[in-house]
Amino acid sequence: MRKPNILIVESDDDTRELYTEYLDARGFFVEAFSTADEALRRAKPADAVVTALALRGSIDGIQFIARTREREARRTPIVVVTCRDFASERQRAMTAGADLFLPKPCLPDRLVGELRRVIAAGDA
């Protein structure tokens, strides 16, 4: 069985490494980037995307979500994991095209469960 490919875009090195290692240990293939610019240039098509909203570089998480939606041939689930747990940020992310909004702290087990759920829903 093929490992699901997950794209992570997270500027915080510790968080990016934690999620990458945890997802890898749970049977996912992970491509991780610290900026949205780099992810848009180099990432392969993914089964799901995990992104923060506060990102280094010229593109923030909202712009990244919108650009991902513009570029894709099929709808890839996008999960936002952020410390910006405000109704306005949630609305902006969902309007841009996010499928799920998870406030930090988001334990890796919860992220794994949510990724499995959104990927299965997309396959149905």
Protein backbone atom coordinates (compact mmCIF):
# COMPACT_ATOMS: atom_id res chain seq x y z
CA MET A 1 0.00 0.00 0.00
CA ARG A 2 1.25 3.46 -0.93
CA LYS A 3 2.17 5.90 1.83
CA PRO A 4 0.02 9.06 1.76
CA ASN A 5 2.10 12.10 0.75
CA ILE A 6 1.76 15.04 3.17
CA LEU A 7 3.05 18.53 2.47
CA ILE A 8 3.91 20.54 5.60
CA VAL A 9 4.53 24.29 5.46
CA GLU A 10 5.63 25.55 8.88
CA SER A 11 8.17 28.27 9.68
CA ASP A 12 8.88 27.07 13.22
CA ASP A 13 11.72 24.56 12.93
CA ASP A 14 10.79 22.58 16.05
CA THR A 15 7.12 22.21 15.09
CA ARG A 16 7.97 21.29 11.50
CA GLU A 17 10.46 18.63 12.66
CA LEU A 18 8.07 17.23 15.28
CA TYR A 19 5.22 16.81 12.81
CA THR A 20 7.53 15.46 10.09
CA GLU A 21 9.08 12.81 12.31
CA TYR A 22 5.77 11.82 13.89
CA LEU A 23 3.93 11.52 10.57
CA ASP A 24 6.83 9.58 9.05
CA ALA A 25 6.73 7.13 11.98
CA ARG A 26 2.97 6.70 11.41
CA GLY A 27 3.31 5.67 7.78
CA PHE A 28 3.14 8.96 5.88
CA PHE A 29 5.64 10.32 3.36
CA VAL A 30 6.34 13.95 4.31
CA GLU A 31 7.71 16.87 2.35
CA ALA A 32 8.35 19.79 4.69
CA PHE A 33 9.16 23.40 3.88
CA SER A 34 9.78 26.47 6.03
CA THR A 35 8.26 28.93 3.53
CA ALA A 36 5.26 28.88 1.24
CA ASP A 37 7.39 30.28 -1.58
CA GLU A 38 9.62 27.20 -1.46
CA ALA A 39 6.67 24.81 -1.15
CA LEU A 40 4.96 26.31 -4.20
CA ARG A 41 8.18 26.00 -6.22
CA ARG A 42 9.34 22.55 -5.17
CA ALA A 43 6.57 20.44 -3.66
CA LYS A 44 5.21 17.38 -5.42
CA PRO A 45 1.44 16.81 -5.55
CA ALA A 46 0.22 15.78 -2.10
CA ASP A 47 -2.63 13.77 -0.63
CA ALA A 48 -3.04 16.51 2.01
CA VAL A 49 -1.44 19.80 3.00
CA VAL A 50 -0.72 21.04 6.53
CA THR A 51 0.08 24.72 6.82
CA ALA A 52 0.53 27.40 9.42
CA LEU A 53 -0.84 30.89 8.85
CA ALA A 54 2.17 32.86 10.09
CA LEU A 55 4.92 31.98 7.62
CA ARG A 56 8.28 33.53 6.82
CA GLY A 57 8.82 34.80 3.30
CA SER A 58 6.69 36.81 0.93
CA ILE A 59 3.58 34.60 1.13
CA ASP A 60 1.56 34.00 4.31
CA GLY A 61 -0.61 30.97 4.99
CA ILE A 62 -3.79 32.54 3.60
CA GLN A 63 -2.07 33.43 0.32
CA PHE A 64 -0.51 29.96 0.20
CA ILE A 65 -3.93 28.31 0.56
CA ALA A 66 -5.42 30.50 -2.17
CA ARG A 67 -2.52 29.87 -4.57
CA THR A 68 -2.65 26.13 -3.90
CA ARG A 69 -6.36 26.13 -4.77
CA GLU A 70 -5.69 28.07 -7.98
CA ARG A 71 -2.98 25.65 -9.14
CA GLU A 72 -4.41 22.25 -8.38
CA ALA A 73 -6.06 19.89 -10.82
CA ARG A 74 -7.93 18.07 -8.02
CA ARG A 75 -9.00 19.31 -4.62
CA THR A 76 -6.33 18.45 -2.05
CA PRO A 77 -7.40 18.64 1.61
CA ILE A 78 -5.76 21.59 3.36
CA VAL A 79 -5.41 21.54 7.15
CA VAL A 80 -4.46 24.74 8.97
CA VAL A 81 -2.58 24.32 12.26
CA THR A 82 -2.10 27.69 13.91
CA CYS A 83 -1.80 29.60 17.14
CA ARG A 84 -4.01 32.29 15.55
CA ASP A 85 -7.20 30.81 16.96
CA PHE A 86 -9.50 33.72 16.21
CA ALA A 87 -12.85 33.56 14.43
CA SER A 88 -11.61 36.10 11.87
CA GLU A 89 -8.53 34.00 11.04
CA ARG A 90 -10.61 30.83 10.83
CA GLN A 91 -12.99 32.58 8.43
CA ARG A 92 -10.15 33.93 6.28
CA ALA A 93 -8.55 30.47 6.06
CA MET A 94 -11.81 28.74 5.19
CA THR A 95 -12.69 31.40 2.60
CA ALA A 96 -9.25 30.94 0.99
CA GLY A 97 -9.95 27.20 0.67
CA ALA A 98 -8.89 25.44 3.86
CA ASP A 99 -10.82 22.30 4.80
CA LEU A 100 -9.97 22.11 8.49
CA PHE A 101 -8.71 24.60 11.10
CA LEU A 102 -6.86 23.20 14.14
CA PRO A 103 -5.65 25.53 16.90
CA LYS A 104 -2.24 25.03 18.50
CA PRO A 105 -1.26 23.28 20.53
CA CYS A 106 -2.26 20.44 18.24
CA LEU A 107 -0.91 17.13 19.44
CA PRO A 108 0.61 14.97 16.71
CA ASP A 109 -1.88 12.13 17.38
CA ARG A 110 -4.77 14.47 16.63
CA LEU A 111 -3.10 15.66 13.44
CA VAL A 112 -2.58 12.06 12.28
CA GLY A 113 -6.24 11.24 12.94
CA GLU A 114 -7.48 14.33 11.13
CA LEU A 115 -5.19 13.70 8.15
CA ARG A 116 -6.41 10.12 7.85
CA ARG A 117 -9.99 11.36 8.02
CA VAL A 118 -9.66 14.10 5.36
CA ILE A 119 -7.70 11.84 3.03
CA ALA A 120 -10.32 9.06 3.36
CA ALA A 121 -13.11 11.58 2.76
CA GLY A 122 -11.37 12.75 -0.40
CA ASP A 123 -11.03 9.17 -1.64
CA ALA A 124 -14.71 8.39 -1.05
